[in-house]
Amino acid sequence: MQLDELEDVPDGDLLKVIRAAYQTKDYLSGKATTVVAVINQKIVGVAFGYPDKYEADVDEIMTKLSAHTPGFGDEPLELESETFAGEWYLDSIAVDPDYQGRGIGGQLLAALPRYVKRDGMATIGLNVDFANPGAKKLYQHHQYQVVGTMTIGDHQYYHMQHRLVPERVAMVG
């Protein structure tokens, strides 16, 4: 996701805020879920998401942390809403460039339903930039469908969702 308001923030300060956020309980296993892919004891991919009802809480962590980071000046990061109602939102997914093309992104996507169901939800939502057809194709391959569009910052995004199939229980008797 590209946000124009971050152009003037030094990369080191942005990274500092992101690292600090991932050290909070809510980012690791509270209101949000972080899933990692590991190869030979190296993190090579990560997926981060949460139920839509926690979006403001998760965003508030970034706002508070950025308010105490010099590179943000007197304008802490204010994030726009990115979720649709009733979905578990995949906020971000990333794979180390040295490991791309090996199915790791697909494995991370395949791991998500477990956490979505744990949180009592049945739909995963995400945004993909109009300018990233490769990512859109990956999501479509994993049964995500475009359900709308939205503008975040100055960029247009497809909003995609994947509705999980309810598990069927066979009755024997």
C-alpha atoms as a PDB file:
ATOM      1  CA  MET A   1       0.000   0.000   0.000  1.00  0.00           C
ATOM      2  CA  GLN A   2       1.414   3.365  -0.972  1.00  0.00           C
ATOM      3  CA  LEU A   3       0.490   6.434   1.061  1.00  0.00           C
ATOM      4  CA  ASP A   4       1.644   9.816  -0.214  1.00  0.00           C
ATOM      5  CA  GLU A   5       1.653  11.270   3.309  1.00  0.00           C
ATOM      6  CA  LEU A   6       4.581   8.949   4.123  1.00  0.00           C
ATOM      7  CA  GLU A   7       6.830  10.323   1.357  1.00  0.00           C
ATOM      8  CA  ASP A   8       8.529  12.782   3.729  1.00  0.00           C
ATOM      9  CA  VAL A   9       8.958  10.305   6.588  1.00  0.00           C
ATOM     10  CA  PRO A  10      12.467   8.816   6.696  1.00  0.00           C
ATOM     11  CA  ASP A  11      12.415   5.050   6.071  1.00  0.00           C
ATOM     12  CA  GLY A  12      14.156   4.434   9.393  1.00  0.00           C
ATOM     13  CA  ASP A  13      11.436   6.229  11.340  1.00  0.00           C
ATOM     14  CA  LEU A  14       8.649   4.385   9.541  1.00  0.00           C
ATOM     15  CA  LEU A  15      10.411   1.074  10.185  1.00  0.00           C
ATOM     16  CA  LYS A  16      10.799   2.010  13.850  1.00  0.00           C
ATOM     17  CA  VAL A  17       7.039   2.573  14.168  1.00  0.00           C
ATOM     18  CA  ILE A  18       6.214  -0.684  12.366  1.00  0.00           C
ATOM     19  CA  ARG A  19       8.637  -2.676  14.537  1.00  0.00           C
ATOM     20  CA  ALA A  20       7.228  -1.134  17.703  1.00  0.00           C
ATOM     21  CA  ALA A  21       3.680  -1.937  16.576  1.00  0.00           C
ATOM     22  CA  TYR A  22       4.604  -5.589  16.054  1.00  0.00           C
ATOM     23  CA  GLN A  23       5.893  -5.726  19.619  1.00  0.00           C
ATOM     24  CA  THR A  24       2.476  -4.869  21.037  1.00  0.00           C
ATOM     25  CA  LYS A  25       0.126  -7.574  22.275  1.00  0.00           C
ATOM     26  CA  ASP A  26      -2.674  -6.458  19.959  1.00  0.00           C
ATOM     27  CA  TYR A  27      -0.513  -6.840  16.847  1.00  0.00           C
ATOM     28  CA  LEU A  28       0.930 -10.217  17.774  1.00  0.00           C
ATOM     29  CA  SER A  29      -1.994 -12.168  19.146  1.00  0.00           C
ATOM     30  CA  GLY A  30      -4.614  -9.882  20.539  1.00  0.00           C
ATOM     31  CA  LYS A  31      -6.999  -8.112  18.223  1.00  0.00           C
ATOM     32  CA  ALA A  32      -4.852  -8.852  15.184  1.00  0.00           C
ATOM     33  CA  THR A  33      -3.104 -11.962  13.906  1.00  0.00           C
ATOM     34  CA  THR A  34       0.371 -12.219  12.424  1.00  0.00           C
ATOM     35  CA  VAL A  35       1.200 -15.384  10.466  1.00  0.00           C
ATOM     36  CA  VAL A  36       4.794 -16.025   9.414  1.00  0.00           C
ATOM     37  CA  ALA A  37       6.404 -18.366   6.904  1.00  0.00           C
ATOM     38  CA  VAL A  38       9.791 -19.687   8.010  1.00  0.00           C
ATOM     39  CA  ILE A  39      12.445 -21.500   5.973  1.00  0.00           C
ATOM     40  CA  ASN A  40      15.679 -22.606   7.652  1.00  0.00           C
ATOM     41  CA  GLN A  41      14.922 -20.476  10.716  1.00  0.00           C
ATOM     42  CA  LYS A  42      14.494 -17.352   8.559  1.00  0.00           C
ATOM     43  CA  ILE A  43      11.220 -15.445   8.273  1.00  0.00           C
ATOM     44  CA  VAL A  44      10.510 -15.324   4.539  1.00  0.00           C
ATOM     45  CA  GLY A  45       6.893 -14.215   4.537  1.00  0.00           C
ATOM     46  CA  VAL A  46       4.282 -12.589   6.715  1.00  0.00           C
ATOM     47  CA  ALA A  47       0.525 -12.053   6.646  1.00  0.00           C
ATOM     48  CA  PHE A  48      -1.212  -9.647   9.025  1.00  0.00           C
ATOM     49  CA  GLY A  49      -4.941  -9.240   9.533  1.00  0.00           C
ATOM     50  CA  TYR A  50      -7.830  -8.731  11.917  1.00  0.00           C
ATOM     51  CA  PRO A  51     -11.629  -8.686  12.199  1.00  0.00           C
ATOM     52  CA  ASP A  52     -13.059  -5.443  10.793  1.00  0.00           C
ATOM     53  CA  LYS A  53     -14.389  -4.464  14.226  1.00  0.00           C
ATOM     54  CA  TYR A  54     -10.785  -4.043  15.444  1.00  0.00           C
ATOM     55  CA  GLU A  55      -9.575  -1.827  12.596  1.00  0.00           C
ATOM     56  CA  ALA A  56      -9.736   1.415  14.604  1.00  0.00           C
ATOM     57  CA  ASP A  57      -7.912  -0.180  17.555  1.00  0.00           C
ATOM     58  CA  VAL A  58      -5.141  -1.558  15.338  1.00  0.00           C
ATOM     59  CA  ASP A  59      -4.777   1.755  13.473  1.00  0.00           C
ATOM     60  CA  GLU A  60      -4.675   3.683  16.757  1.00  0.00           C
ATOM     61  CA  ILE A  61      -1.499   1.823  17.730  1.00  0.00           C
ATOM     62  CA  MET A  62       0.260   3.176  14.622  1.00  0.00           C
ATOM     63  CA  THR A  63      -1.108   6.678  15.260  1.00  0.00           C
ATOM     64  CA  LYS A  64       0.131   6.729  18.867  1.00  0.00           C
ATOM     65  CA  LEU A  65       3.555   5.326  17.981  1.00  0.00           C
ATOM     66  CA  SER A  66       4.045   7.736  15.077  1.00  0.00           C
ATOM     67  CA  ALA A  67       3.140  10.686  17.332  1.00  0.00           C
ATOM     68  CA  HIS A  68       6.299   9.935  19.345  1.00  0.00           C
ATOM     69  CA  THR A  69       8.604   9.448  16.350  1.00  0.00           C
ATOM     70  CA  PRO A  70      10.565  12.501  15.096  1.00  0.00           C
ATOM     71  CA  GLY A  71      10.210  11.761  11.364  1.00  0.00           C
ATOM     72  CA  PHE A  72       6.454  12.258  11.549  1.00  0.00           C
ATOM     73  CA  GLY A  73       6.871  15.794  12.892  1.00  0.00           C
ATOM     74  CA  ASP A  74       3.679  17.138  14.390  1.00  0.00           C
ATOM     75  CA  GLU A  75       1.462  15.046  12.085  1.00  0.00           C
ATOM     76  CA  PRO A  76       1.062  11.488  13.369  1.00  0.00           C
ATOM     77  CA  LEU A  77      -0.075   8.854  10.926  1.00  0.00           C
ATOM     78  CA  GLU A  78      -3.852   8.860  10.472  1.00  0.00           C
ATOM     79  CA  LEU A  79      -5.009   5.782   8.592  1.00  0.00           C
ATOM     80  CA  GLU A  80      -8.172   5.625   6.498  1.00  0.00           C
ATOM     81  CA  SER A  81     -10.657   2.792   6.849  1.00  0.00           C
ATOM     82  CA  GLU A  82      -9.821  -0.071   4.502  1.00  0.00           C
ATOM     83  CA  THR A  83     -12.306  -2.747   5.542  1.00  0.00           C
ATOM     84  CA  PHE A  84     -15.816  -3.732   4.554  1.00  0.00           C
ATOM     85  CA  ALA A  85     -18.267  -4.640   7.311  1.00  0.00           C
ATOM     86  CA  GLY A  86     -18.368  -8.254   8.424  1.00  0.00           C
ATOM     87  CA  GLU A  87     -14.979  -9.345   7.139  1.00  0.00           C
ATOM     88  CA  TRP A  88     -11.658 -10.481   8.522  1.00  0.00           C
ATOM     89  CA  TYR A  89      -9.314  -8.020   6.837  1.00  0.00           C
ATOM     90  CA  LEU A  90      -5.951  -9.075   5.408  1.00  0.00           C
ATOM     91  CA  ASP A  91      -4.125  -5.815   6.004  1.00  0.00           C
ATOM     92  CA  SER A  92      -0.823  -6.905   4.525  1.00  0.00           C
ATOM     93  CA  ILE A  93       1.006  -9.863   3.059  1.00  0.00           C
ATOM     94  CA  ALA A  94       4.646  -9.851   2.013  1.00  0.00           C
ATOM     95  CA  VAL A  95       7.237 -12.373   0.865  1.00  0.00           C
ATOM     96  CA  ASP A  96      11.003 -11.833   0.909  1.00  0.00           C
ATOM     97  CA  PRO A  97      12.034 -11.063  -2.712  1.00  0.00           C
ATOM     98  CA  ASP A  98      14.610 -13.895  -2.604  1.00  0.00           C
ATOM     99  CA  TYR A  99      11.779 -16.361  -1.914  1.00  0.00           C
ATOM    100  CA  GLN A 100       9.093 -15.076  -4.261  1.00  0.00           C
ATOM    101  CA  GLY A 101       7.735 -17.442  -6.885  1.00  0.00           C
ATOM    102  CA  ARG A 102       7.951 -20.454  -4.548  1.00  0.00           C
ATOM    103  CA  GLY A 103       4.317 -20.532  -3.445  1.00  0.00           C
ATOM    104  CA  ILE A 104       4.906 -18.892  -0.072  1.00  0.00           C
ATOM    105  CA  GLY A 105       2.271 -16.209  -0.649  1.00  0.00           C
ATOM    106  CA  GLY A 106      -0.218 -18.928  -1.525  1.00  0.00           C
ATOM    107  CA  GLN A 107       0.695 -20.891   1.604  1.00  0.00           C
ATOM    108  CA  LEU A 108       0.142 -17.810   3.753  1.00  0.00           C
ATOM    109  CA  LEU A 109      -3.261 -17.272   2.129  1.00  0.00           C
ATOM    110  CA  ALA A 110      -4.120 -20.940   2.687  1.00  0.00           C
ATOM    111  CA  ALA A 111      -3.267 -20.619   6.395  1.00  0.00           C
ATOM    112  CA  LEU A 112      -5.679 -17.729   7.004  1.00  0.00           C
ATOM    113  CA  PRO A 113      -9.043 -19.572   7.196  1.00  0.00           C
ATOM    114  CA  ARG A 114      -7.984 -21.208  10.468  1.00  0.00           C
ATOM    115  CA  TYR A 115      -7.605 -17.795  12.113  1.00  0.00           C
ATOM    116  CA  VAL A 116     -10.667 -16.337  10.427  1.00  0.00           C
ATOM    117  CA  LYS A 117     -12.835 -19.177  11.749  1.00  0.00           C
ATOM    118  CA  ARG A 118     -11.222 -18.884  15.185  1.00  0.00           C
ATOM    119  CA  ASP A 119     -12.377 -15.262  15.212  1.00  0.00           C
ATOM    120  CA  GLY A 120     -15.922 -16.359  14.322  1.00  0.00           C
ATOM    121  CA  MET A 121     -15.875 -14.935  10.815  1.00  0.00           C
ATOM    122  CA  ALA A 122     -16.512 -16.401   7.360  1.00  0.00           C
ATOM    123  CA  THR A 123     -15.197 -13.790   4.898  1.00  0.00           C
ATOM    124  CA  ILE A 124     -11.650 -12.580   4.239  1.00  0.00           C
ATOM    125  CA  GLY A 125     -11.275  -9.152   2.627  1.00  0.00           C
ATOM    126  CA  LEU A 126      -8.276  -7.343   1.187  1.00  0.00           C
ATOM    127  CA  ASN A 127      -7.328  -4.460  -1.089  1.00  0.00           C
ATOM    128  CA  VAL A 128      -5.118  -4.759  -4.146  1.00  0.00           C
ATOM    129  CA  ASP A 129      -3.767  -1.795  -6.100  1.00  0.00           C
ATOM    130  CA  PHE A 130      -5.125  -1.324  -9.621  1.00  0.00           C
ATOM    131  CA  ALA A 131      -1.464  -1.162 -10.695  1.00  0.00           C
ATOM    132  CA  ASN A 132      -0.684  -4.655  -9.341  1.00  0.00           C
ATOM    133  CA  PRO A 133      -2.368  -7.153 -11.687  1.00  0.00           C
ATOM    134  CA  GLY A 134      -0.014  -9.937 -10.569  1.00  0.00           C
ATOM    135  CA  ALA A 135      -1.299  -9.748  -6.998  1.00  0.00           C
ATOM    136  CA  LYS A 136      -4.893  -9.579  -8.209  1.00  0.00           C
ATOM    137  CA  LYS A 137      -4.310 -12.741 -10.249  1.00  0.00           C
ATOM    138  CA  LEU A 138      -2.819 -14.525  -7.209  1.00  0.00           C
ATOM    139  CA  TYR A 139      -5.855 -13.656  -5.097  1.00  0.00           C
ATOM    140  CA  GLN A 140      -8.259 -14.735  -7.850  1.00  0.00           C
ATOM    141  CA  HIS A 141      -6.408 -18.055  -8.038  1.00  0.00           C
ATOM    142  CA  HIS A 142      -7.225 -18.464  -4.327  1.00  0.00           C
ATOM    143  CA  GLN A 143     -10.964 -17.789  -4.855  1.00  0.00           C
ATOM    144  CA  TYR A 144     -10.980 -14.073  -4.020  1.00  0.00           C
ATOM    145  CA  GLN A 145     -13.472 -12.026  -6.026  1.00  0.00           C
ATOM    146  CA  VAL A 146     -13.669  -8.295  -6.657  1.00  0.00           C
ATOM    147  CA  VAL A 147     -16.616  -6.925  -4.665  1.00  0.00           C
ATOM    148  CA  GLY A 148     -15.907  -3.213  -5.007  1.00  0.00           C
ATOM    149  CA  THR A 149     -13.276  -0.520  -5.284  1.00  0.00           C
ATOM    150  CA  MET A 150     -11.964   2.116  -2.928  1.00  0.00           C
ATOM    151  CA  THR A 151      -9.541   4.992  -2.851  1.00  0.00           C
ATOM    152  CA  ILE A 152      -6.902   4.941  -0.126  1.00  0.00           C
ATOM    153  CA  GLY A 153      -4.673   7.982  -0.140  1.00  0.00           C
ATOM    154  CA  ASP A 154      -4.388   8.842  -3.814  1.00  0.00           C
ATOM    155  CA  HIS A 155      -4.528   5.270  -5.113  1.00  0.00           C
ATOM    156  CA  GLN A 156      -7.354   3.138  -6.438  1.00  0.00           C
ATOM    157  CA  TYR A 157      -7.774  -0.384  -5.085  1.00  0.00           C
ATOM    158  CA  TYR A 158      -9.929  -3.379  -5.865  1.00  0.00           C
ATOM    159  CA  HIS A 159     -11.590  -4.667  -2.722  1.00  0.00           C
ATOM    160  CA  MET A 160     -11.616  -8.451  -2.923  1.00  0.00           C
ATOM    161  CA  GLN A 161     -13.237 -11.030  -0.698  1.00  0.00           C
ATOM    162  CA  HIS A 162     -13.068 -14.772  -0.202  1.00  0.00           C
ATOM    163  CA  ARG A 163     -16.075 -16.354   1.470  1.00  0.00           C
ATOM    164  CA  LEU A 164     -15.138 -19.485   3.360  1.00  0.00           C
ATOM    165  CA  VAL A 165     -17.163 -22.614   2.759  1.00  0.00           C
ATOM    166  CA  PRO A 166     -18.881 -23.773   5.949  1.00  0.00           C
ATOM    167  CA  GLU A 167     -17.571 -27.096   7.200  1.00  0.00           C
ATOM    168  CA  ARG A 168     -20.063 -29.886   6.868  1.00  0.00           C
ATOM    169  CA  VAL A 169     -20.453 -32.402   9.649  1.00  0.00           C
ATOM    170  CA  ALA A 170     -21.533 -35.875   8.656  1.00  0.00           C
ATOM    171  CA  MET A 171     -24.034 -37.468  10.999  1.00  0.00           C
ATOM    172  CA  VAL A 172     -23.633 -41.187  11.476  1.00  0.00           C
ATOM    173  CA  GLY A 173     -26.439 -43.090  13.027  1.00  0.00           C
END
